[in-house]
């Protein structure tokens, strides 16, 4: 896992956490947008992580 992929997972966790905390503490449904954006970021990180071959392995 490279640095950019680690940063994407960290961003995902942060955005989802902010969304959950904001929604729970304020009751505003607007914070659901943060959760959705975090999930979209997670899908992008997962897809980009699957597209790279491990070191030493030939690319498919």
Protein backbone atom coordinates (compact mmCIF):
# COMPACT_ATOMS: atom_id res chain seq x y z
CA UNK A 1 0.00 0.00 0.00
CA UNK A 2 1.53 3.30 -1.06
CA UNK A 3 1.32 6.68 0.63
CA UNK A 4 -1.45 8.03 -1.57
CA UNK A 5 -3.64 5.02 -0.85
CA UNK A 6 -3.01 5.34 2.90
CA UNK A 7 -3.97 9.01 2.68
CA UNK A 8 -7.19 8.10 0.85
CA UNK A 9 -8.16 5.63 3.59
CA UNK A 10 -7.30 8.18 6.29
CA UNK A 11 -9.42 10.81 4.51
CA UNK A 12 -12.27 8.32 4.25
CA UNK A 13 -12.19 7.57 7.96
CA UNK A 14 -11.97 11.26 8.86
CA UNK A 15 -14.85 12.36 6.63
CA UNK A 16 -17.14 9.54 7.79
CA UNK A 17 -16.27 10.24 11.43
CA UNK A 18 -16.97 13.96 11.03
CA UNK A 19 -20.28 13.12 9.36
CA UNK A 20 -21.33 10.77 12.13
CA UNK A 21 -20.29 13.08 14.95
CA UNK A 22 -21.91 16.08 13.29
CA UNK A 23 -25.14 14.23 12.62
CA UNK A 24 -25.35 12.79 16.14
CA UNK A 25 -24.48 16.01 17.96
CA UNK A 26 -26.56 18.45 15.90
CA UNK A 27 -29.29 16.25 14.47
CA UNK A 28 -28.85 17.93 11.09
CA UNK A 29 -29.35 15.54 8.19
CA UNK A 30 -26.90 17.65 6.16
CA UNK A 31 -24.05 15.65 7.74
CA UNK A 32 -25.21 12.58 5.83
CA UNK A 33 -23.49 14.22 2.84
CA UNK A 34 -20.16 13.73 4.64
CA UNK A 35 -20.91 10.05 5.13
CA UNK A 36 -21.80 9.60 1.45
CA UNK A 37 -18.65 11.45 0.36
CA UNK A 38 -16.58 9.25 2.68
CA UNK A 39 -18.10 6.13 1.17
CA UNK A 40 -17.41 7.40 -2.36
CA UNK A 41 -13.81 8.04 -1.34
CA UNK A 42 -13.60 4.50 0.10
CA UNK A 43 -14.83 2.99 -3.16
CA UNK A 44 -12.25 5.01 -5.09
CA UNK A 45 -9.46 3.94 -2.75
CA UNK A 46 -10.53 0.31 -2.94
CA UNK A 47 -10.71 0.34 -6.73
CA UNK A 48 -7.37 2.11 -7.13
CA UNK A 49 -5.71 -0.28 -4.67
CA UNK A 50 -6.93 -3.28 -6.66
CA UNK A 51 -5.62 -1.92 -9.94
CA UNK A 52 -1.95 -1.99 -8.91
CA UNK A 53 0.12 -5.13 -8.99
CA UNK A 54 2.28 -5.99 -5.96
CA UNK A 55 6.01 -5.34 -6.23
CA UNK A 56 7.81 -8.03 -8.18
CA UNK A 57 4.68 -9.35 -9.85
CA UNK A 58 4.12 -8.72 -13.54
CA UNK A 59 1.20 -6.45 -14.38
CA UNK A 60 -1.88 -8.37 -15.56
